[in-house]
Protein backbone atom coordinates (compact mmCIF):
# COMPACT_ATOMS: atom_id res chain seq x y z
CA MET A 1 -4.89 34.60 43.98
CA PRO A 2 -7.22 31.69 44.86
CA VAL A 3 -5.71 28.21 44.34
CA LEU A 4 -7.84 25.14 43.61
CA PHE A 5 -6.39 21.62 43.62
CA LEU A 6 -8.47 19.37 41.33
CA LEU A 7 -8.14 15.58 41.61
CA ASN A 8 -8.85 13.32 38.63
CA ASP A 9 -8.15 15.60 35.70
CA THR A 10 -9.53 13.48 32.84
CA SER A 11 -8.30 15.65 29.96
CA GLU A 12 -6.02 12.89 28.67
CA VAL A 13 -8.38 9.95 29.20
CA PRO A 14 -9.37 8.47 25.79
CA ASN A 15 -13.06 9.12 26.38
CA TRP A 16 -15.04 11.92 24.72
CA GLY A 17 -17.19 12.58 27.77
CA ALA A 18 -14.21 12.75 30.13
CA GLN A 19 -12.43 15.21 27.85
CA ALA A 20 -15.52 17.37 27.31
CA THR A 21 -16.20 17.46 31.05
CA MET A 22 -12.72 18.75 31.86
CA ARG A 23 -12.85 21.39 29.11
CA ALA A 24 -16.20 22.60 30.46
CA LEU A 25 -15.10 22.49 34.09
CA ARG A 26 -12.00 24.55 33.36
CA LYS A 27 -14.02 26.98 31.25
CA MET A 28 -16.66 27.66 33.89
CA LEU A 29 -14.08 27.99 36.66
CA TYR A 30 -12.11 30.61 34.74
CA ASP A 31 -15.36 32.32 33.66
CA ARG A 32 -16.30 32.77 37.31
CA ILE A 33 -12.79 33.17 38.82
CA PRO A 34 -10.51 34.68 36.13
CA GLU A 35 -7.56 35.00 38.53
CA LEU A 36 -7.79 31.33 39.62
CA GLU A 37 -4.67 29.18 39.84
CA LEU A 38 -5.77 25.64 38.97
CA MET A 39 -3.52 22.75 40.01
CA THR A 40 -4.61 19.31 38.85
CA LEU A 41 -3.77 15.69 39.51
CA THR A 42 -4.37 13.77 36.29
CA GLN A 43 -6.06 10.40 36.40
CA GLY A 44 -2.74 8.80 35.44
CA ALA A 45 -0.94 10.56 38.30
CA LEU A 46 -3.76 9.63 40.68
CA LEU A 47 -3.08 5.96 39.88
CA ARG A 48 0.71 6.19 40.11
CA THR A 49 2.55 4.09 42.68
CA TYR A 50 6.11 4.06 44.00
CA ALA A 51 8.17 1.28 45.55
CA ALA A 52 10.72 1.57 48.34
CA TYR A 53 13.98 0.55 46.67
CA GLY A 54 16.45 0.85 49.51
CA VAL A 55 18.15 3.33 51.84
CA ALA A 56 20.75 5.93 50.87
CA PHE A 57 22.32 8.51 53.18
CA GLY A 58 19.91 7.47 55.91
CA ARG A 59 16.81 8.10 53.81
CA ARG A 60 14.50 5.64 52.11
CA VAL A 61 14.74 5.73 48.32
CA TYR A 62 11.57 5.31 46.23
CA LEU A 63 11.37 4.30 42.58
CA ASP A 64 8.62 4.56 39.97
CA PRO A 65 8.27 1.05 38.48
CA GLN A 66 7.66 2.66 35.06
CA SER A 67 10.96 4.55 35.22
CA ARG A 68 13.18 4.24 32.14
CA LEU A 69 15.97 3.27 34.51
CA LEU A 70 14.38 -0.19 34.58
CA ASP A 71 14.11 -0.61 30.79
CA ARG A 72 17.12 -2.94 30.72
CA SER A 73 15.95 -5.09 33.60
CA PRO A 74 12.45 -6.52 33.04
CA MET A 75 12.91 -8.84 36.01
CA LEU A 76 13.70 -5.97 38.38
CA ARG A 77 10.80 -3.99 36.92
CA GLY A 78 8.46 -6.88 37.74
CA VAL A 79 9.78 -7.00 41.31
CA MET A 80 9.32 -3.26 41.72
CA GLU A 81 5.82 -3.33 40.24
CA ASN A 82 4.75 -5.99 42.74
CA ARG A 83 6.37 -4.06 45.57
CA ALA A 84 4.74 -0.80 44.45
CA LYS A 85 1.34 -2.47 44.25
CA ALA A 86 1.65 -3.83 47.78
CA GLN A 87 2.86 -0.50 49.17
CA GLY A 88 0.19 1.40 47.21
CA GLU A 89 -2.53 -0.74 48.75
CA ARG A 90 -1.41 0.41 52.21
CA LEU A 91 -1.77 4.05 51.15
CA PHE A 92 -5.49 3.71 50.34
CA PRO A 93 -8.32 2.01 52.25
CA ALA A 94 -10.06 -1.07 50.91
CA SER A 95 -13.30 0.13 52.52
CA ALA A 96 -14.61 2.82 54.86
CA ASN A 97 -13.42 0.72 57.81
CA GLY A 98 -9.80 1.53 56.95
CA LEU A 99 -9.98 5.34 56.69
CA GLU A 100 -8.39 6.17 60.06
CA LEU A 101 -5.76 3.44 59.88
CA THR A 102 -4.76 4.56 56.38
CA ALA A 103 -4.55 8.20 57.46
CA ARG A 104 -2.13 7.21 60.24
CA HIS A 105 -0.04 5.29 57.70
CA TRP A 106 0.23 8.48 55.61
CA GLU A 107 1.70 10.29 58.61
CA ARG A 108 4.50 7.69 58.74
CA THR A 109 5.16 7.64 54.98
CA LYS A 110 5.83 11.28 54.10
CA GLY A 111 9.00 10.36 52.19
CA ASN A 112 6.95 8.56 49.54
CA PRO A 113 6.91 10.83 46.43
CA TYR A 114 3.16 10.26 46.01
CA VAL A 115 2.43 11.28 49.60
CA ARG A 116 4.86 14.20 49.54
CA GLY A 117 3.54 15.51 46.21
CA PHE A 118 -0.10 15.40 47.30
CA LEU A 119 0.57 17.01 50.68
CA GLU A 120 2.62 19.83 49.14
CA LYS A 121 -0.07 20.68 46.57
CA ALA A 122 -2.89 20.38 49.10
CA ALA A 123 -1.01 22.67 51.51
CA ARG A 124 -0.73 25.35 48.79
CA SER A 125 -4.40 25.16 47.85
CA ASP A 126 -7.45 26.98 49.16
CA CYS A 127 -9.69 24.05 48.25
CA VAL A 128 -9.30 20.38 47.26
CA VAL A 129 -11.88 19.02 44.78
CA HIS A 130 -12.41 15.49 43.47
CA ASN A 131 -13.94 15.26 39.99
CA GLY A 132 -16.19 12.19 40.20
CA GLU A 133 -16.51 11.84 36.40
CA LEU A 134 -16.40 8.18 35.20
CA LEU A 135 -15.86 6.76 38.62
CA ASN A 136 -17.95 6.92 41.72
CA TYR A 137 -20.79 4.58 40.68
CA SER A 138 -18.53 1.60 41.49
CA LEU A 139 -15.41 0.84 43.50
CA THR A 140 -12.35 1.37 41.32
CA GLU A 141 -8.81 2.32 42.20
CA VAL A 142 -9.43 5.85 40.97
CA SER A 143 -12.75 6.36 42.75
CA SER A 144 -11.49 5.01 46.09
CA ARG A 145 -8.27 7.06 45.89
CA GLY A 146 -10.12 10.22 44.91
CA VAL A 147 -12.67 10.20 47.72
CA PHE A 148 -10.03 9.16 50.28
CA LEU A 149 -7.70 12.02 49.31
CA THR A 150 -10.58 14.50 49.48
CA TRP A 151 -11.53 13.19 52.92
CA LEU A 152 -7.86 13.35 54.00
CA ALA A 153 -7.61 16.98 52.85
CA LYS A 154 -10.67 17.88 54.89
CA CYS A 155 -10.21 15.78 58.03
CA ARG A 156 -6.40 15.80 58.40
CA LEU A 157 -5.25 18.92 56.56
CA GLU A 158 -8.33 20.99 57.46
CA LYS A 159 -8.80 22.18 53.88
CA PRO A 160 -12.19 23.03 52.35
CA ALA A 161 -13.07 20.03 50.20
CA ALA A 162 -15.65 18.99 47.62
CA VAL A 163 -16.68 15.99 45.53
CA VAL A 164 -18.41 17.12 42.35
CA ASN A 165 -20.04 15.77 39.19
CA GLN A 166 -20.53 12.20 40.27
CA THR A 167 -22.84 9.31 39.57
CA THR A 168 -23.12 7.10 42.65
CA PRO A 169 -24.04 3.43 43.08
CA SER A 170 -27.72 2.65 43.27
CA GLN A 171 -28.95 0.97 46.46
CA GLY A 172 -27.34 -2.46 46.81
CA GLN A 173 -25.25 -2.12 43.63
CA ASP A 174 -21.86 -1.70 45.31
CA PRO A 175 -22.00 -1.71 49.14
CA VAL A 176 -18.25 -1.09 49.50
CA MET A 177 -18.30 2.06 47.36
CA SER A 178 -21.56 3.20 48.95
CA GLY A 179 -20.00 2.79 52.40
CA LEU A 180 -16.90 4.71 51.36
CA LEU A 181 -19.02 7.56 49.98
CA GLN A 182 -21.20 7.57 53.09
CA ALA A 183 -18.20 7.78 55.45
CA THR A 184 -16.28 10.40 53.46
CA CYS A 185 -19.03 12.61 52.03
CA GLU A 186 -20.61 13.26 55.42
CA LYS A 187 -17.38 15.06 56.38
CA ILE A 188 -16.80 16.93 53.11
CA ASP A 189 -18.04 20.51 52.69
CA VAL A 190 -19.69 20.21 49.25
CA VAL A 191 -21.03 17.10 47.54
CA THR A 192 -22.74 17.34 44.15
CA VAL A 193 -24.22 14.80 41.76
CA ARG A 194 -25.06 15.21 38.10
CA GLU A 195 -28.42 13.44 37.88
CA PRO A 196 -31.39 12.77 40.21
CA TYR A 197 -30.97 9.00 40.63
CA SER A 198 -27.62 9.62 42.34
CA LEU A 199 -29.11 12.38 44.48
CA ARG A 200 -31.70 9.95 45.83
CA ALA A 201 -29.04 7.27 46.36
CA LEU A 202 -26.96 9.62 48.54
CA GLN A 203 -30.03 10.83 50.40
CA ASP A 204 -30.80 7.18 51.22
CA LEU A 205 -27.33 7.02 52.79
CA GLY A 206 -28.03 10.14 54.84
CA VAL A 207 -25.61 12.27 52.84
CA ARG A 208 -26.54 15.86 52.03
CA ALA A 209 -25.86 16.55 48.36
CA ARG A 210 -26.83 18.98 45.61
CA LEU A 211 -27.95 18.16 42.10
CA ILE A 212 -26.02 20.23 39.55
CA PRO A 213 -26.18 19.23 35.86
CA ASP A 214 -23.03 17.95 34.17
CA PRO A 215 -20.48 20.70 33.35
CA THR A 216 -20.57 19.65 29.69
CA PHE A 217 -23.81 21.61 29.31
CA TRP A 218 -21.69 24.76 29.77
CA LEU A 219 -19.85 24.24 26.47
CA GLU A 220 -20.64 26.69 23.67
CA GLU A 221 -20.47 26.67 19.89
CA ASP A 222 -16.81 27.73 19.81
CA ASP A 223 -15.92 24.67 21.89
CA PHE A 224 -16.95 22.44 18.97
CA ASP A 225 -15.26 21.95 15.60
CA GLU A 226 -17.63 22.21 12.65
CA ALA A 227 -14.68 22.13 10.24
CA GLU A 228 -13.51 18.76 11.58
CA ALA A 229 -16.96 17.26 11.12
CA LEU A 230 -17.40 18.68 7.60
CA ALA A 231 -13.94 17.54 6.51
CA TRP A 232 -14.63 14.01 7.76
CA GLN A 233 -18.02 13.90 6.01
CA ALA A 234 -16.43 15.00 2.73
CA ARG A 235 -13.60 12.47 3.10
CA VAL A 236 -15.88 9.46 3.63
CA GLY A 237 -18.68 10.66 1.33
CA LEU A 238 -21.39 10.88 4.00
CA GLU A 239 -24.66 12.35 2.73
CA LYS A 240 -27.93 13.18 4.44
CA PRO A 241 -30.16 11.75 5.74
CA TYR A 242 -28.12 9.82 8.30
CA ALA A 243 -28.44 8.60 11.88
CA CYS A 244 -25.77 8.08 14.53
CA LEU A 245 -25.19 5.09 16.77
CA SER A 246 -22.78 4.40 19.63
CA LEU A 247 -22.67 1.46 21.99
CA SER A 248 -23.34 1.30 25.73
CA SER A 249 -20.70 2.48 28.14
CA GLY A 250 -19.01 -0.44 29.90
CA LEU A 251 -21.19 -3.25 28.59
CA PRO A 252 -19.40 -6.28 27.06
CA ILE A 253 -19.61 -6.16 23.27
CA ARG A 254 -17.51 -9.13 22.15
CA GLY A 255 -19.54 -11.28 19.78
CA SER A 256 -22.19 -8.58 19.24
CA ALA A 257 -21.52 -8.04 15.50
CA PRO A 258 -24.00 -10.70 14.21
CA ALA A 259 -26.81 -9.09 16.21
CA LEU A 260 -25.73 -5.54 15.44
CA LEU A 261 -25.79 -5.90 11.65
CA PRO A 262 -29.55 -6.63 11.39
CA LEU A 263 -30.26 -3.64 13.65
CA LEU A 264 -28.21 -1.35 11.39
CA LYS A 265 -29.95 -2.58 8.25
CA GLN A 266 -33.37 -1.94 9.77
CA LEU A 267 -32.33 1.50 11.05
CA GLN A 268 -31.31 2.31 7.48
CA GLU A 269 -34.95 2.11 6.51
CA LEU A 270 -35.35 5.31 8.56
CA ALA A 271 -31.98 6.90 7.65
CA PRO A 272 -30.09 5.38 4.69
CA SER A 273 -26.63 6.17 6.13
CA ILE A 274 -25.40 5.29 9.62
CA VAL A 275 -22.52 6.96 11.46
CA LEU A 276 -20.97 4.76 14.14
CA LEU A 277 -19.43 6.91 16.87
CA ALA A 278 -16.26 5.29 18.21
CA TYR A 279 -14.17 7.30 20.66
CA GLY A 280 -10.58 6.55 21.54
CA GLY A 281 -9.21 6.09 18.04
CA GLY A 282 -11.89 3.71 16.82
CA ASN A 283 -13.55 0.54 17.99
CA ARG A 284 -12.70 -2.80 16.39
CA LEU A 285 -16.25 -4.09 16.61
CA LEU A 286 -17.66 -0.99 14.92
CA GLN A 287 -14.94 -1.10 12.26
CA SER A 288 -15.81 -4.74 11.59
CA VAL A 289 -19.53 -3.98 11.39
CA ALA A 290 -18.98 -1.02 9.08
CA SER A 291 -16.90 -3.12 6.70
CA SER A 292 -19.75 -5.64 6.45
CA ALA A 293 -22.49 -3.06 5.82
CA THR A 294 -23.23 -0.53 3.12
CA ASN A 295 -23.47 3.21 3.76
CA CYS A 296 -22.03 2.72 7.23
CA PHE A 297 -19.21 5.01 8.45
CA VAL A 298 -17.06 5.08 11.59
CA TYR A 299 -16.23 8.46 13.13
CA SER A 300 -13.33 8.28 15.59
CA GLY A 301 -12.15 11.90 15.65
CA SER A 302 -12.30 14.23 18.64
CA TYR A 303 -15.33 14.98 20.79
CA ARG A 304 -15.32 18.49 19.30
CA GLY A 305 -16.60 17.06 16.02
CA VAL A 306 -19.38 14.99 17.62
CA ALA A 307 -21.88 17.79 18.30
CA PRO A 308 -21.73 19.12 14.69
CA LEU A 309 -22.32 15.57 13.41
CA LEU A 310 -25.27 15.11 15.75
CA ARG A 311 -26.77 18.42 14.65
CA GLY A 312 -27.23 17.02 11.15
CA ALA A 313 -28.43 13.54 12.22
CA GLU A 314 -32.02 12.38 12.06
CA PHE A 315 -31.61 10.71 15.45
CA LEU A 316 -29.05 9.11 17.77
CA VAL A 317 -29.08 5.62 19.29
CA THR A 318 -26.67 5.52 22.23
CA GLY A 319 -25.78 4.26 25.68
CA HIS A 320 -23.16 6.96 26.18
CA TYR A 321 -24.14 9.62 28.69
CA HIS A 322 -22.23 12.51 27.14
CA ASN A 323 -23.34 11.70 23.60
CA ILE A 324 -26.89 12.30 24.81
CA ILE A 325 -25.82 15.60 26.38
CA LEU A 326 -23.99 16.74 23.24
CA GLY A 327 -26.99 15.70 21.14
CA SER A 328 -29.44 17.58 23.36
CA MET A 329 -27.33 20.73 23.03
CA VAL A 330 -27.76 20.69 19.24
CA GLY A 331 -31.33 19.35 19.21
CA CYS A 332 -30.69 15.74 18.15
CA PRO A 333 -33.42 13.37 19.42
CA PHE A 334 -32.19 10.02 20.73
CA VAL A 335 -33.00 6.43 21.63
CA PRO A 336 -31.34 5.56 24.97
CA LEU A 337 -29.46 2.32 25.66
CA ARG A 338 -28.71 1.00 29.13
CA ALA A 339 -25.28 1.57 30.75
CA LEU A 340 -23.65 -0.08 33.79
CA SER A 341 -25.13 2.49 36.16
CA HIS A 342 -28.36 4.45 36.43
CA LYS A 343 -26.78 7.53 34.84
CA ILE A 344 -28.76 7.20 31.57
CA GLU A 345 -32.07 6.91 33.42
CA GLY A 346 -31.06 9.87 35.60
CA LEU A 347 -30.21 11.97 32.56
CA LEU A 348 -33.56 11.18 30.93
CA GLU A 349 -35.32 12.45 34.04
CA LEU A 350 -33.17 15.58 34.04
CA LEU A 351 -33.95 16.24 30.37
CA GLU A 352 -37.65 15.49 30.95
CA TRP A 353 -37.45 13.18 27.95
CA PRO A 354 -40.91 11.96 26.85
CA HIS A 355 -39.66 8.54 25.65
CA PRO A 356 -38.01 7.10 28.78
CA GLN A 357 -37.76 3.44 27.75
CA VAL A 358 -34.11 2.35 27.99
CA HIS A 359 -33.04 -0.60 25.83
CA ASN A 360 -30.51 -3.29 26.73
CA LEU A 361 -27.75 -3.63 24.16
CA ALA A 362 -26.44 -6.70 26.01
CA ALA A 363 -29.56 -8.58 24.84
CA LEU A 364 -29.70 -7.07 21.38
CA GLN A 365 -31.91 -9.61 19.64
CA HIS A 366 -34.62 -9.03 22.24
CA ALA A 367 -34.06 -5.27 22.31
CA THR A 368 -34.02 -4.65 18.54
CA PRO A 369 -37.82 -4.37 18.02
CA GLY A 370 -38.07 -1.81 20.82
CA ILE A 371 -35.08 0.17 19.55
CA LEU A 372 -36.59 0.31 16.06
CA ALA A 373 -40.00 1.38 17.37
CA SER A 374 -38.41 4.13 19.47
CA ALA A 375 -36.26 5.29 16.54
CA GLU A 376 -39.32 5.51 14.32
CA ARG A 377 -41.16 7.61 16.91
CA VAL A 378 -38.34 10.12 17.42
CA ALA A 379 -37.65 10.35 13.66
CA GLU A 380 -41.31 11.14 12.93
CA ASP A 381 -41.43 13.79 15.66
CA ARG A 382 -37.92 15.14 15.15
CA ALA A 383 -38.80 18.82 14.78
CA SER A 384 -40.78 19.17 18.01
CA LEU A 385 -38.41 16.92 19.98
CA SER A 386 -35.46 18.97 18.75
CA ARG A 387 -37.04 22.22 19.97
CA ARG A 388 -37.81 20.59 23.30
CA LEU A 389 -34.22 19.40 23.74
CA LEU A 390 -32.70 22.75 22.81
CA LEU A 391 -34.90 24.51 25.38
CA GLN A 392 -34.15 22.04 28.17
CA ALA A 393 -30.41 21.99 27.41
CA SER A 394 -30.41 25.78 27.66
CA VAL A 395 -32.04 25.58 31.10
CA LEU A 396 -29.56 22.95 32.27
CA ARG A 397 -26.66 25.02 30.95
CA GLU A 398 -27.58 27.90 33.26
CA ARG A 399 -27.78 25.49 36.18
CA SER A 400 -24.52 23.68 35.36
CA VAL A 401 -22.36 26.71 36.20
CA GLU A 402 -23.46 26.31 39.82
CA THR A 403 -20.51 23.90 40.18
CA ALA A 404 -18.06 26.77 39.66
CA GLU A 405 -20.13 29.18 41.73
CA THR A 406 -20.30 26.71 44.63
CA LEU A 407 -16.54 26.15 44.56
CA CYS A 408 -15.97 29.91 44.42
CA GLU A 409 -18.11 30.36 47.56
CA LEU A 410 -16.23 27.52 49.27
CA MET A 411 -12.85 29.17 48.59
CA ASN A 412 -14.16 32.55 49.71
CA ARG A 413 -15.19 31.02 53.05
CA SER A 414 -11.68 29.64 53.48
């Protein structure tokens, strides 16, 4: 039975795209390798740290600072958290310059539960894979840990290794993360990206990579929940025609309500009702805006209800990468907003979208006329744009399964 160890399982992250990606990735892996044993390291576990507490019976004792044993001692918890942070920093490199030094530190720290747990799972596996979803376009604790562990599995444990489904920094955007990707990915067996901007960025670094569309394209009708969407529409009294809007991923939104309200009112000239898509249990800004507007509704259910909602929408205005993907899969034309990376622009190129202007939600007063003009164009041409999206999404779906097929080949070689 083949065993795959997947780092950065985002199933529990409160983000629709992260959840949809993991559902699709699991689905395609089991579709291609039914007998697969899939071990995962969740994003929460990837970030966990332990602190050396003392010595007992000649062995160092480690403690999780979040342990319930510390509930009655906030002061000791604070001490252990600081100690865990300092010790955790020594387990992972701050830049590519520290890869070898950090690897040697791992060899001396095998009693640490984090180190021991990773090494045991990696030893059992036929392949170690880092899911780059959400992360690799900038240096974060998760992105640096994920690529380091994948490099460690390949270069120290001699395991087949892959980094998949990533968006990388553009040239000059984050030299530390770019350097870390350059140093690790040149050693790793398989490196894939999900859009062409990232492919070119890695090629500029001299890294060989493959472009494979996001796994989310692999989802099918039974992965969505029409009943959830219909029940919500009936509960809030949503009627057609309506449009959907979500904000830009990662951009600061505090203080945006005064500029957002006029945009909504003008969009309602094209679609009288507006659905604000707010993942993660709702968004306070969107709730505030909805309470100040008429015929404005906030959907904060699961990602499985998003695609059915988008199917019935006149158009979508969004800066969320996976909302565009879900919309394309059901033929919903869209107006793109800028995100913190080039992933939106890359996705537009992948979709061969004929309206590539990307608007900046962080300067909403200046962007509003362009957003409205784009919305009017896609609303007028909805039928032909919808057919175009459905066709292209179908093509990308067939290509997206190459992630699973590539990992299957990698395990077969091992």
